PDB file of all heavy atoms in Angstrom:
ATOM      1  N   PRO A   1       0.844  -1.179  -0.032  1.00  0.00           N
ATOM      2  CA  PRO A   1       0.018  -0.012  -0.012  1.00  0.00           C
ATOM      3  C   PRO A   1       0.881   1.276  -0.015  1.00  0.00           C
ATOM      4  O   PRO A   1       1.975   1.304   0.579  1.00  0.00           O
ATOM      5  CB  PRO A   1      -0.771  -0.089   1.310  1.00  0.00           C
ATOM      6  CG  PRO A   1      -0.519  -1.455   1.853  1.00  0.00           C
ATOM      7  CD  PRO A   1       0.576  -2.006   1.161  1.00  0.00           C
ATOM      8  N   SER A   2       0.373   2.277  -0.621  1.00  0.00           N
ATOM      9  CA  SER A   2       1.075   3.541  -0.708  1.00  0.00           C
ATOM     10  C   SER A   2       1.117   4.231   0.705  1.00  0.00           C
ATOM     11  O   SER A   2       0.205   3.983   1.503  1.00  0.00           O
ATOM     12  CB  SER A   2       0.462   4.514  -1.652  1.00  0.00           C
ATOM     13  OG  SER A   2      -0.779   5.024  -1.213  1.00  0.00           O
ATOM     14  N   PRO A   3       2.151   5.020   0.948  1.00  0.00           N
ATOM     15  CA  PRO A   3       2.140   5.721   2.264  1.00  0.00           C
ATOM     16  C   PRO A   3       0.954   6.626   2.456  1.00  0.00           C
ATOM     17  O   PRO A   3       0.467   6.763   3.627  1.00  0.00           O
ATOM     18  CB  PRO A   3       3.444   6.553   2.182  1.00  0.00           C
ATOM     19  CG  PRO A   3       4.349   5.826   1.218  1.00  0.00           C
ATOM     20  CD  PRO A   3       3.372   5.169   0.262  1.00  0.00           C
ATOM     21  N   ALA A   4       0.432   7.179   1.342  1.00  0.00           N
ATOM     22  CA  ALA A   4      -0.779   8.004   1.532  1.00  0.00           C
ATOM     23  C   ALA A   4      -1.966   7.163   1.922  1.00  0.00           C
ATOM     24  O   ALA A   4      -2.758   7.595   2.701  1.00  0.00           O
ATOM     25  CB  ALA A   4      -1.058   8.736   0.075  1.00  0.00           C
ATOM     26  N   ASP A   5      -2.155   6.002   1.305  1.00  0.00           N
ATOM     27  CA  ASP A   5      -3.285   5.112   1.721  1.00  0.00           C
ATOM     28  C   ASP A   5      -3.157   4.677   3.160  1.00  0.00           C
ATOM     29  O   ASP A   5      -4.069   4.632   3.924  1.00  0.00           O
ATOM     30  CB  ASP A   5      -3.379   3.903   0.794  1.00  0.00           C
ATOM     31  CG  ASP A   5      -4.117   4.211  -0.570  1.00  0.00           C
ATOM     32  OD1 ASP A   5      -4.696   5.325  -0.621  1.00  0.00           O
ATOM     33  OD2 ASP A   5      -4.064   3.347  -1.384  1.00  0.00           O
ATOM     34  N   LEU A   6      -1.905   4.356   3.574  1.00  0.00           N
ATOM     35  CA  LEU A   6      -1.676   4.031   4.951  1.00  0.00           C
ATOM     36  C   LEU A   6      -2.029   5.103   5.904  1.00  0.00           C
ATOM     37  O   LEU A   6      -2.538   4.949   6.991  1.00  0.00           O
ATOM     38  CB  LEU A   6      -0.197   3.564   5.146  1.00  0.00           C
ATOM     39  CG  LEU A   6       0.162   2.252   4.429  1.00  0.00           C
ATOM     40  CD1 LEU A   6       1.703   1.964   4.684  1.00  0.00           C
ATOM     41  CD2 LEU A   6      -0.668   1.115   5.015  1.00  0.00           C
ATOM     42  N   GLN A   7      -1.775   6.360   5.476  1.00  0.00           N
ATOM     43  CA  GLN A   7      -2.081   7.534   6.334  1.00  0.00           C
ATOM     44  C   GLN A   7      -3.617   7.649   6.445  1.00  0.00           C
ATOM     45  O   GLN A   7      -4.185   7.962   7.500  1.00  0.00           O
ATOM     46  CB  GLN A   7      -1.480   8.831   5.743  1.00  0.00           C
ATOM     47  CG  GLN A   7      -1.836   9.993   6.594  1.00  0.00           C
ATOM     48  CD  GLN A   7      -1.129  11.302   6.071  1.00  0.00           C
ATOM     49  OE1 GLN A   7      -0.313  11.244   5.144  1.00  0.00           O
ATOM     50  NE2 GLN A   7      -1.558  12.416   6.628  1.00  0.00           N
ATOM     51  N   VAL A   8      -4.382   7.426   5.322  1.00  0.00           N
ATOM     52  CA  VAL A   8      -5.774   7.409   5.405  1.00  0.00           C
ATOM     53  C   VAL A   8      -6.362   6.367   6.321  1.00  0.00           C
ATOM     54  O   VAL A   8      -7.186   6.597   7.182  1.00  0.00           O
ATOM     55  CB  VAL A   8      -6.470   7.216   3.938  1.00  0.00           C
ATOM     56  CG1 VAL A   8      -7.930   7.047   4.045  1.00  0.00           C
ATOM     57  CG2 VAL A   8      -6.082   8.426   3.034  1.00  0.00           C
ATOM     58  N   VAL A   9      -5.805   5.159   6.241  1.00  0.00           N
ATOM     59  CA  VAL A   9      -6.126   4.055   7.177  1.00  0.00           C
ATOM     60  C   VAL A   9      -5.965   4.475   8.612  1.00  0.00           C
ATOM     61  O   VAL A   9      -6.801   4.225   9.415  1.00  0.00           O
ATOM     62  CB  VAL A   9      -5.423   2.768   6.772  1.00  0.00           C
ATOM     63  CG1 VAL A   9      -5.601   1.696   7.790  1.00  0.00           C
ATOM     64  CG2 VAL A   9      -5.863   2.299   5.413  1.00  0.00           C
ATOM     65  N   ARG A  10      -4.771   5.111   8.927  1.00  0.00           N
ATOM     66  CA  ARG A  10      -4.422   5.490  10.242  1.00  0.00           C
ATOM     67  C   ARG A  10      -5.431   6.591  10.732  1.00  0.00           C
ATOM     68  O   ARG A  10      -5.882   6.523  11.907  1.00  0.00           O
ATOM     69  CB  ARG A  10      -3.061   5.969  10.374  1.00  0.00           C
ATOM     70  CG  ARG A  10      -2.010   4.893  10.418  1.00  0.00           C
ATOM     71  CD  ARG A  10      -0.640   5.452  10.840  1.00  0.00           C
ATOM     72  NE  ARG A  10      -0.165   6.537   9.889  1.00  0.00           N
ATOM     73  CZ  ARG A  10       0.574   6.272   8.763  1.00  0.00           C
ATOM     74  NH1 ARG A  10       0.910   5.040   8.494  1.00  0.00           N
ATOM     75  NH2 ARG A  10       0.945   7.201   8.035  1.00  0.00           N
ATOM     76  N   GLU A  11      -5.733   7.605   9.887  1.00  0.00           N
ATOM     77  CA  GLU A  11      -6.646   8.663  10.343  1.00  0.00           C
ATOM     78  C   GLU A  11      -8.030   8.122  10.573  1.00  0.00           C
ATOM     79  O   GLU A  11      -8.671   8.565  11.531  1.00  0.00           O
ATOM     80  CB  GLU A  11      -6.691   9.759   9.207  1.00  0.00           C
ATOM     81  CG  GLU A  11      -5.455  10.578   9.138  1.00  0.00           C
ATOM     82  CD  GLU A  11      -5.557  11.764   8.209  1.00  0.00           C
ATOM     83  OE1 GLU A  11      -6.707  12.261   7.992  1.00  0.00           O
ATOM     84  OE2 GLU A  11      -4.518  12.140   7.598  1.00  0.00           O
ATOM     85  N   LEU A  12      -8.464   7.149   9.787  1.00  0.00           N
ATOM     86  CA  LEU A  12      -9.816   6.607  10.032  1.00  0.00           C
ATOM     87  C   LEU A  12      -9.759   5.746  11.293  1.00  0.00           C
ATOM     88  O   LEU A  12     -10.727   5.656  11.989  1.00  0.00           O
ATOM     89  CB  LEU A  12     -10.237   5.850   8.760  1.00  0.00           C
ATOM     90  CG  LEU A  12     -10.592   6.688   7.586  1.00  0.00           C
ATOM     91  CD1 LEU A  12     -10.935   5.799   6.355  1.00  0.00           C
ATOM     92  CD2 LEU A  12     -11.705   7.674   7.879  1.00  0.00           C
ATOM     93  N   ALA A  13      -8.663   5.018  11.508  1.00  0.00           N
ATOM     94  CA  ALA A  13      -8.555   4.192  12.753  1.00  0.00           C
ATOM     95  C   ALA A  13      -8.698   5.036  14.010  1.00  0.00           C
ATOM     96  O   ALA A  13      -9.277   4.611  14.986  1.00  0.00           O
ATOM     97  CB  ALA A  13      -7.270   3.403  12.716  1.00  0.00           C
ATOM     98  N   LEU A  14      -8.130   6.233  13.930  1.00  0.00           N
ATOM     99  CA  LEU A  14      -8.262   7.150  15.093  1.00  0.00           C
ATOM    100  C   LEU A  14      -9.691   7.538  15.352  1.00  0.00           C
ATOM    101  O   LEU A  14     -10.064   7.886  16.468  1.00  0.00           O
ATOM    102  CB  LEU A  14      -7.396   8.440  14.860  1.00  0.00           C
ATOM    103  CG  LEU A  14      -5.897   8.295  14.857  1.00  0.00           C
ATOM    104  CD1 LEU A  14      -5.195   9.516  14.485  1.00  0.00           C
ATOM    105  CD2 LEU A  14      -5.398   7.736  16.184  1.00  0.00           C
ATOM    106  N   ARG A  15     -10.553   7.486  14.367  1.00  0.00           N
ATOM    107  CA  ARG A  15     -11.962   7.761  14.538  1.00  0.00           C
ATOM    108  C   ARG A  15     -12.737   6.517  14.876  1.00  0.00           C
ATOM    109  O   ARG A  15     -14.013   6.593  15.047  1.00  0.00           O
ATOM    110  CB  ARG A  15     -12.565   8.338  13.203  1.00  0.00           C
ATOM    111  CG  ARG A  15     -11.910   9.558  12.765  1.00  0.00           C
ATOM    112  CD  ARG A  15     -12.669  10.032  11.496  1.00  0.00           C
ATOM    113  NE  ARG A  15     -11.970  11.142  10.849  1.00  0.00           N
ATOM    114  CZ  ARG A  15     -12.447  11.694   9.801  1.00  0.00           C
ATOM    115  NH1 ARG A  15     -13.514  11.303   9.203  1.00  0.00           N
ATOM    116  NH2 ARG A  15     -11.702  12.668   9.211  1.00  0.00           N
ATOM    117  N   GLY A  16     -12.137   5.381  14.860  1.00  0.00           N
ATOM    118  CA  GLY A  16     -12.752   4.119  15.215  1.00  0.00           C
ATOM    119  C   GLY A  16     -13.369   3.518  13.892  1.00  0.00           C
ATOM    120  O   GLY A  16     -14.210   2.572  14.038  1.00  0.00           O
ATOM    121  N   VAL A  17     -12.957   3.891  12.782  1.00  0.00           N
ATOM    122  CA  VAL A  17     -13.459   3.323  11.512  1.00  0.00           C
ATOM    123  C   VAL A  17     -12.364   2.410  10.977  1.00  0.00           C
ATOM    124  O   VAL A  17     -11.253   2.849  10.753  1.00  0.00           O
ATOM    125  CB  VAL A  17     -13.771   4.506  10.523  1.00  0.00           C
ATOM    126  CG1 VAL A  17     -14.221   3.890   9.163  1.00  0.00           C
ATOM    127  CG2 VAL A  17     -14.726   5.465  11.039  1.00  0.00           C
ATOM    128  N   VAL A  18     -12.757   1.172  10.766  1.00  0.00           N
ATOM    129  CA  VAL A  18     -11.836   0.182  10.244  1.00  0.00           C
ATOM    130  C   VAL A  18     -11.953   0.059   8.761  1.00  0.00           C
ATOM    131  O   VAL A  18     -12.991  -0.249   8.224  1.00  0.00           O
ATOM    132  CB  VAL A  18     -12.060  -1.223  10.901  1.00  0.00           C
ATOM    133  CG1 VAL A  18     -11.089  -2.219  10.365  1.00  0.00           C
ATOM    134  CG2 VAL A  18     -11.986  -1.155  12.391  1.00  0.00           C
ATOM    135  N   VAL A  19     -10.836   0.379   8.020  1.00  0.00           N
ATOM    136  CA  VAL A  19     -10.757   0.321   6.564  1.00  0.00           C
ATOM    137  C   VAL A  19      -9.388  -0.234   6.217  1.00  0.00           C
ATOM    138  O   VAL A  19      -8.343   0.089   6.931  1.00  0.00           O
ATOM    139  CB  VAL A  19     -10.904   1.733   6.006  1.00  0.00           C
ATOM    140  CG1 VAL A  19     -10.683   1.755   4.518  1.00  0.00           C
ATOM    141  CG2 VAL A  19     -12.278   2.295   6.262  1.00  0.00           C
ATOM    142  N   THR A  20      -9.335  -1.029   5.207  1.00  0.00           N
ATOM    143  CA  THR A  20      -8.070  -1.563   4.711  1.00  0.00           C
ATOM    144  C   THR A  20      -7.583  -0.898   3.495  1.00  0.00           C
ATOM    145  O   THR A  20      -8.417  -0.307   2.799  1.00  0.00           O
ATOM    146  CB  THR A  20      -8.150  -3.071   4.503  1.00  0.00           C
ATOM    147  OG1 THR A  20      -9.071  -3.340   3.397  1.00  0.00           O
ATOM    148  CG2 THR A  20      -8.648  -3.845   5.699  1.00  0.00           C
ATOM    149  N   ALA A  21      -6.315  -1.013   3.166  1.00  0.00           N
ATOM    150  CA  ALA A  21      -5.794  -0.444   1.967  1.00  0.00           C
ATOM    151  C   ALA A  21      -6.400  -1.068   0.740  1.00  0.00           C
ATOM    152  O   ALA A  21      -6.660  -0.393  -0.252  1.00  0.00           O
ATOM    153  CB  ALA A  21      -4.292  -0.535   1.939  1.00  0.00           C
ATOM    154  N   SER A  22      -6.748  -2.344   0.835  1.00  0.00           N
ATOM    155  CA  SER A  22      -7.348  -3.051  -0.349  1.00  0.00           C
ATOM    156  C   SER A  22      -8.787  -2.482  -0.546  1.00  0.00           C
ATOM    157  O   SER A  22      -9.246  -2.380  -1.724  1.00  0.00           O
ATOM    158  CB  SER A  22      -7.372  -4.520  -0.208  1.00  0.00           C
ATOM    159  OG  SER A  22      -8.061  -4.915   0.895  1.00  0.00           O
ATOM    160  N   GLN A  23      -9.501  -2.134   0.527  1.00  0.00           N
ATOM    161  CA  GLN A  23     -10.827  -1.542   0.341  1.00  0.00           C
ATOM    162  C   GLN A  23     -10.668  -0.182  -0.367  1.00  0.00           C
ATOM    163  O   GLN A  23     -11.463   0.145  -1.321  1.00  0.00           O
ATOM    164  CB  GLN A  23     -11.474  -1.322   1.693  1.00  0.00           C
ATOM    165  CG  GLN A  23     -12.042  -2.588   2.247  1.00  0.00           C
ATOM    166  CD  GLN A  23     -12.661  -2.300   3.638  1.00  0.00           C
ATOM    167  OE1 GLN A  23     -11.989  -1.707   4.544  1.00  0.00           O
ATOM    168  NE2 GLN A  23     -13.901  -2.755   3.859  1.00  0.00           N
ATOM    169  N   LEU A  24      -9.712   0.630   0.020  1.00  0.00           N
ATOM    170  CA  LEU A  24      -9.470   1.914  -0.606  1.00  0.00           C
ATOM    171  C   LEU A  24      -9.236   1.767  -2.104  1.00  0.00           C
ATOM    172  O   LEU A  24      -9.752   2.408  -2.932  1.00  0.00           O
ATOM    173  CB  LEU A  24      -8.288   2.647   0.026  1.00  0.00           C
ATOM    174  CG  LEU A  24      -8.485   3.083   1.483  1.00  0.00           C
ATOM    175  CD1 LEU A  24      -7.191   3.686   2.023  1.00  0.00           C
ATOM    176  CD2 LEU A  24      -9.694   4.014   1.667  1.00  0.00           C
ATOM    177  N   GLU A  25      -8.380   0.708  -2.472  1.00  0.00           N
ATOM    178  CA  GLU A  25      -8.061   0.432  -3.786  1.00  0.00           C
ATOM    179  C   GLU A  25      -9.320  -0.015  -4.617  1.00  0.00           C
ATOM    180  O   GLU A  25      -9.557   0.417  -5.685  1.00  0.00           O
ATOM    181  CB  GLU A  25      -7.037  -0.704  -3.822  1.00  0.00           C
ATOM    182  CG  GLU A  25      -6.620  -1.147  -5.240  1.00  0.00           C
ATOM    183  CD  GLU A  25      -5.599  -2.304  -5.140  1.00  0.00           C
ATOM    184  OE1 GLU A  25      -4.854  -2.359  -4.155  1.00  0.00           O
ATOM    185  OE2 GLU A  25      -5.699  -3.175  -5.994  1.00  0.00           O
ATOM    186  N   SER A  26     -10.126  -0.856  -3.993  1.00  0.00           N
ATOM    187  CA  SER A  26     -11.389  -1.281  -4.604  1.00  0.00           C
ATOM    188  C   SER A  26     -12.349  -0.155  -4.838  1.00  0.00           C
ATOM    189  O   SER A  26     -12.910  -0.022  -5.939  1.00  0.00           O
ATOM    190  CB  SER A  26     -12.003  -2.324  -3.730  1.00  0.00           C
ATOM    191  OG  SER A  26     -13.321  -2.710  -4.216  1.00  0.00           O
ATOM    192  N   TRP A  27     -12.532   0.751  -3.924  1.00  0.00           N
ATOM    193  CA  TRP A  27     -13.410   1.854  -4.063  1.00  0.00           C
ATOM    194  C   TRP A  27     -12.855   2.862  -5.162  1.00  0.00           C
ATOM    195  O   TRP A  27     -13.659   3.395  -5.863  1.00  0.00           O
ATOM    196  CB  TRP A  27     -13.532   2.613  -2.723  1.00  0.00           C
ATOM    197  CG  TRP A  27     -14.257   1.787  -1.665  1.00  0.00           C
ATOM    198  CD1 TRP A  27     -15.061   0.715  -1.856  1.00  0.00           C
ATOM    199  CD2 TRP A  27     -14.160   1.966  -0.264  1.00  0.00           C
ATOM    200  NE1 TRP A  27     -15.492   0.263  -0.645  1.00  0.00           N
ATOM    201  CE2 TRP A  27     -14.926   0.971   0.330  1.00  0.00           C
ATOM    202  CE3 TRP A  27     -13.506   2.870   0.522  1.00  0.00           C
ATOM    203  CZ2 TRP A  27     -15.086   0.888   1.745  1.00  0.00           C
ATOM    204  CZ3 TRP A  27     -13.620   2.827   1.927  1.00  0.00           C
ATOM    205  CH2 TRP A  27     -14.404   1.807   2.514  1.00  0.00           C
ATOM    206  N   ARG A  28     -11.522   2.950  -5.155  1.00  0.00           N
ATOM    207  CA  ARG A  28     -10.950   3.808  -6.188  1.00  0.00           C
ATOM    208  C   ARG A  28     -11.209   3.269  -7.596  1.00  0.00           C
ATOM    209  O   ARG A  28     -11.549   3.981  -8.515  1.00  0.00           O
ATOM    210  CB  ARG A  28      -9.420   3.999  -5.908  1.00  0.00           C
ATOM    211  CG  ARG A  28      -8.880   5.275  -6.445  1.00  0.00           C
ATOM    212  CD  ARG A  28      -7.457   5.415  -5.958  1.00  0.00           C
ATOM    213  NE  ARG A  28      -7.452   6.017  -4.612  1.00  0.00           N
ATOM    214  CZ  ARG A  28      -6.825   5.450  -3.554  1.00  0.00           C
ATOM    215  NH1 ARG A  28      -6.099   4.374  -3.718  1.00  0.00           N
ATOM    216  NH2 ARG A  28      -6.910   5.982  -2.416  1.00  0.00           N
ATOM    217  N   ARG A  29     -11.039   1.920  -7.758  1.00  0.00           N
ATOM    218  CA  ARG A  29     -11.260   1.285  -9.075  1.00  0.00           C
ATOM    219  C   ARG A  29     -12.766   1.430  -9.426  1.00  0.00           C
ATOM    220  O   ARG A  29     -13.039   1.535 -10.623  1.00  0.00           O
ATOM    221  CB  ARG A  29     -10.854  -0.150  -8.971  1.00  0.00           C
ATOM    222  CG  ARG A  29      -9.444  -0.434  -9.412  1.00  0.00           C
ATOM    223  CD  ARG A  29      -9.158  -1.852  -9.502  1.00  0.00           C
ATOM    224  NE  ARG A  29      -8.785  -2.349  -8.217  1.00  0.00           N
ATOM    225  CZ  ARG A  29      -9.331  -3.407  -7.605  1.00  0.00           C
ATOM    226  NH1 ARG A  29     -10.174  -4.139  -8.212  1.00  0.00           N
ATOM    227  NH2 ARG A  29      -8.904  -3.739  -6.386  1.00  0.00           N
ATOM    228  N   ALA A  30     -13.653   1.437  -8.497  1.00  0.00           N
ATOM    229  CA  ALA A  30     -15.100   1.565  -8.778  1.00  0.00           C
ATOM    230  C   ALA A  30     -15.497   3.044  -9.103  1.00  0.00           C
ATOM    231  O   ALA A  30     -16.635   3.268  -9.447  1.00  0.00           O
ATOM    232  CB  ALA A  30     -15.906   1.054  -7.614  1.00  0.00           C
ATOM    233  N   GLY A  31     -14.483   3.948  -8.909  1.00  0.00           N
ATOM    234  CA  GLY A  31     -14.826   5.361  -9.165  1.00  0.00           C
ATOM    235  C   GLY A  31     -15.471   6.042  -8.012  1.00  0.00           C
ATOM    236  O   GLY A  31     -16.043   7.112  -8.192  1.00  0.00           O
ATOM    237  N   LEU A  32     -15.461   5.531  -6.877  1.00  0.00           N
ATOM    238  CA  LEU A  32     -16.106   6.101  -5.705  1.00  0.00           C
ATOM    239  C   LEU A  32     -15.135   6.943  -4.814  1.00  0.00           C
ATOM    240  O   LEU A  32     -15.649   7.803  -4.057  1.00  0.00           O
ATOM    241  CB  LEU A  32     -16.735   4.998  -4.797  1.00  0.00           C
ATOM    242  CG  LEU A  32     -17.775   4.099  -5.446  1.00  0.00           C
ATOM    243  CD1 LEU A  32     -18.199   2.928  -4.473  1.00  0.00           C
ATOM    244  CD2 LEU A  32     -18.960   4.922  -5.872  1.00  0.00           C
ATOM    245  N   LEU A  33     -13.903   6.715  -4.934  1.00  0.00           N
ATOM    246  CA  LEU A  33     -12.906   7.409  -4.029  1.00  0.00           C
ATOM    247  C   LEU A  33     -11.962   8.164  -4.976  1.00  0.00           C
ATOM    248  O   LEU A  33     -11.375   7.532  -5.928  1.00  0.00           O
ATOM    249  CB  LEU A  33     -12.204   6.375  -3.205  1.00  0.00           C
ATOM    250  CG  LEU A  33     -11.290   6.928  -2.061  1.00  0.00           C
ATOM    251  CD1 LEU A  33     -12.170   7.631  -1.113  1.00  0.00           C
ATOM    252  CD2 LEU A  33     -10.594   5.793  -1.448  1.00  0.00           C
ATOM    253  N   PRO A  34     -11.724   9.428  -4.757  1.00  0.00           N
ATOM    254  CA  PRO A  34     -10.767  10.170  -5.657  1.00  0.00           C
ATOM    255  C   PRO A  34      -9.342   9.694  -5.365  1.00  0.00           C
ATOM    256  O   PRO A  34      -9.008   9.235  -4.323  1.00  0.00           O
ATOM    257  CB  PRO A  34     -10.958  11.627  -5.189  1.00  0.00           C
ATOM    258  CG  PRO A  34     -11.593  11.579  -3.868  1.00  0.00           C
ATOM    259  CD  PRO A  34     -12.332  10.335  -3.727  1.00  0.00           C
ATOM    260  N   ARG A  35      -8.540   9.873  -6.371  1.00  0.00           N
ATOM    261  CA  ARG A  35      -7.154   9.564  -6.335  1.00  0.00           C
ATOM    262  C   ARG A  35      -6.395  10.716  -5.555  1.00  0.00           C
ATOM    263  O   ARG A  35      -6.814  11.810  -5.488  1.00  0.00           O
ATOM    264  CB  ARG A  35      -6.466   9.429  -7.687  1.00  0.00           C
ATOM    265  CG  ARG A  35      -7.147   8.303  -8.487  1.00  0.00           C
ATOM    266  CD  ARG A  35      -6.272   7.835  -9.595  1.00  0.00           C
ATOM    267  NE  ARG A  35      -6.860   6.717 -10.303  1.00  0.00           N
ATOM    268  CZ  ARG A  35      -6.825   5.436  -9.875  1.00  0.00           C
ATOM    269  NH1 ARG A  35      -6.185   5.119  -8.767  1.00  0.00           N
ATOM    270  NH2 ARG A  35      -7.389   4.497 -10.569  1.00  0.00           N
ATOM    271  N   HIS A  36      -5.288  10.357  -4.952  1.00  0.00           N
ATOM    272  CA  HIS A  36      -4.469  11.321  -4.251  1.00  0.00           C
ATOM    273  C   HIS A  36      -3.769  12.239  -5.295  1.00  0.00           C
ATOM    274  O   HIS A  36      -3.385  11.842  -6.336  1.00  0.00           O
ATOM    275  CB  HIS A  36      -3.327  10.658  -3.449  1.00  0.00           C
ATOM    276  CG  HIS A  36      -3.872   9.734  -2.393  1.00  0.00           C
ATOM    277  ND1 HIS A  36      -4.516  10.188  -1.195  1.00  0.00           N
ATOM    278  CD2 HIS A  36      -3.882   8.388  -2.283  1.00  0.00           C
ATOM    279  CE1 HIS A  36      -4.850   9.135  -0.496  1.00  0.00           C
ATOM    280  NE2 HIS A  36      -4.501   8.039  -1.117  1.00  0.00           N
ATOM    281  N   GLN A  37      -3.713  13.552  -4.888  1.00  0.00           N
ATOM    282  CA  GLN A  37      -3.014  14.483  -5.740  1.00  0.00           C
ATOM    283  C   GLN A  37      -1.510  14.258  -5.644  1.00  0.00           C
ATOM    284  O   GLN A  37      -0.927  14.349  -4.558  1.00  0.00           O
ATOM    285  CB  GLN A  37      -3.324  15.949  -5.353  1.00  0.00           C
ATOM    286  CG  GLN A  37      -4.782  16.259  -5.606  1.00  0.00           C
ATOM    287  CD  GLN A  37      -5.151  16.224  -7.086  1.00  0.00           C
ATOM    288  OE1 GLN A  37      -4.386  16.739  -7.888  1.00  0.00           O
ATOM    289  NE2 GLN A  37      -6.323  15.695  -7.347  1.00  0.00           N
ATOM    290  N   ARG A  38      -0.831  13.948  -6.750  1.00  0.00           N
ATOM    291  CA  ARG A  38       0.588  13.633  -6.701  1.00  0.00           C
ATOM    292  C   ARG A  38       1.360  14.816  -7.315  1.00  0.00           C
ATOM    293  O   ARG A  38       0.858  15.481  -8.087  1.00  0.00           O
ATOM    294  CB  ARG A  38       0.789  12.358  -7.509  1.00  0.00           C
ATOM    295  CG  ARG A  38      -0.022  11.147  -6.976  1.00  0.00           C
ATOM    296  CD  ARG A  38       0.364   9.884  -7.653  1.00  0.00           C
ATOM    297  NE  ARG A  38       1.630   9.410  -7.309  1.00  0.00           N
ATOM    298  CZ  ARG A  38       1.933   8.803  -6.216  1.00  0.00           C
ATOM    299  NH1 ARG A  38       1.002   8.573  -5.326  1.00  0.00           N
ATOM    300  NH2 ARG A  38       3.107   8.269  -5.946  1.00  0.00           N
ATOM    301  N   ARG A  39       2.623  14.859  -6.892  1.00  0.00           N
ATOM    302  CA  ARG A  39       3.519  15.890  -7.365  1.00  0.00           C
ATOM    303  C   ARG A  39       4.752  15.152  -7.890  1.00  0.00           C
ATOM    304  O   ARG A  39       5.352  14.267  -7.247  1.00  0.00           O
ATOM    305  CB  ARG A  39       4.000  16.760  -6.249  1.00  0.00           C
ATOM    306  CG  ARG A  39       5.014  17.825  -6.650  1.00  0.00           C
ATOM    307  CD  ARG A  39       5.483  18.684  -5.482  1.00  0.00           C
ATOM    308  NE  ARG A  39       5.990  17.946  -4.298  1.00  0.00           N
ATOM    309  CZ  ARG A  39       7.286  17.504  -4.237  1.00  0.00           C
ATOM    310  NH1 ARG A  39       8.094  17.791  -5.118  1.00  0.00           N
ATOM    311  NH2 ARG A  39       7.669  16.862  -3.112  1.00  0.00           N
ATOM    312  N   GLY A  40       5.086  15.451  -9.157  1.00  0.00           N
ATOM    313  CA  GLY A  40       6.245  14.832  -9.821  1.00  0.00           C
ATOM    314  C   GLY A  40       7.556  15.304  -9.220  1.00  0.00           C
ATOM    315  O   GLY A  40       7.744  16.512  -8.910  1.00  0.00           O
ATOM    316  N   LEU A  41       8.541  14.340  -9.132  1.00  0.00           N
ATOM    317  CA  LEU A  41       9.887  14.695  -8.619  1.00  0.00           C
ATOM    318  C   LEU A  41      10.797  15.191  -9.693  1.00  0.00           C
ATOM    319  O   LEU A  41      11.881  15.630  -9.477  1.00  0.00           O
ATOM    320  CB  LEU A  41      10.422  13.499  -7.894  1.00  0.00           C
ATOM    321  CG  LEU A  41       9.647  13.083  -6.626  1.00  0.00           C
ATOM    322  CD1 LEU A  41      10.239  11.790  -6.070  1.00  0.00           C
ATOM    323  CD2 LEU A  41       9.650  14.155  -5.550  1.00  0.00           C
ATOM    324  N   GLY A  42      10.404  14.977 -10.950  1.00  0.00           N
ATOM    325  CA  GLY A  42      11.190  15.458 -12.093  1.00  0.00           C
ATOM    326  C   GLY A  42      12.159  14.417 -12.626  1.00  0.00           C
ATOM    327  O   GLY A  42      12.680  13.566 -11.928  1.00  0.00           O
ATOM    328  N   ARG A  43      12.317  14.528 -13.899  1.00  0.00           N
ATOM    329  CA  ARG A  43      13.353  13.724 -14.628  1.00  0.00           C
ATOM    330  C   ARG A  43      13.348  12.272 -14.326  1.00  0.00           C
ATOM    331  O   ARG A  43      14.338  11.685 -13.930  1.00  0.00           O
ATOM    332  CB  ARG A  43      14.698  14.356 -14.468  1.00  0.00           C
ATOM    333  CG  ARG A  43      14.720  15.757 -14.999  1.00  0.00           C
ATOM    334  CD  ARG A  43      16.171  16.290 -15.059  1.00  0.00           C
ATOM    335  NE  ARG A  43      16.990  15.513 -15.900  1.00  0.00           N
ATOM    336  CZ  ARG A  43      17.357  15.792 -17.133  1.00  0.00           C
ATOM    337  NH1 ARG A  43      16.946  16.997 -17.648  1.00  0.00           N
ATOM    338  NH2 ARG A  43      18.160  15.034 -17.817  1.00  0.00           N
ATOM    339  N   GLY A  44      12.158  11.621 -14.389  1.00  0.00           N
ATOM    340  CA  GLY A  44      12.081  10.160 -14.193  1.00  0.00           C
ATOM    341  C   GLY A  44      12.262   9.701 -12.742  1.00  0.00           C
ATOM    342  O   GLY A  44      12.487   8.460 -12.523  1.00  0.00           O
ATOM    343  N   ARG A  45      12.157  10.575 -11.794  1.00  0.00           N
ATOM    344  CA  ARG A  45      12.373  10.111 -10.346  1.00  0.00           C
ATOM    345  C   ARG A  45      11.056   9.811  -9.683  1.00  0.00           C
ATOM    346  O   ARG A  45      11.032   9.609  -8.476  1.00  0.00           O
ATOM    347  CB  ARG A  45      13.074  11.245  -9.612  1.00  0.00           C
ATOM    348  CG  ARG A  45      14.530  11.478 -10.079  1.00  0.00           C
ATOM    349  CD  ARG A  45      15.311  12.360  -9.287  1.00  0.00           C
ATOM    350  NE  ARG A  45      14.543  13.551  -8.889  1.00  0.00           N
ATOM    351  CZ  ARG A  45      15.001  14.481  -8.109  1.00  0.00           C
ATOM    352  NH1 ARG A  45      16.190  14.451  -7.534  1.00  0.00           N
ATOM    353  NH2 ARG A  45      14.227  15.558  -7.822  1.00  0.00           N
ATOM    354  N   GLY A  46       9.934   9.709 -10.396  1.00  0.00           N
ATOM    355  CA  GLY A  46       8.696   9.336  -9.826  1.00  0.00           C
ATOM    356  C   GLY A  46       7.880  10.460  -9.336  1.00  0.00           C
ATOM    357  O   GLY A  46       8.066  11.667  -9.699  1.00  0.00           O
TER     358      GLY A  46
END
């Protein structure tokens, strides 16, 4: 899981909501959850 998805899982766990990274991935594939805004590191560095 990406560090961003792990952070979402942790934030929800603090609220008492249990969610897994695979659930986030599934909801994202179904078009229900927006993708994280990414910033390029430049020149092929991801």
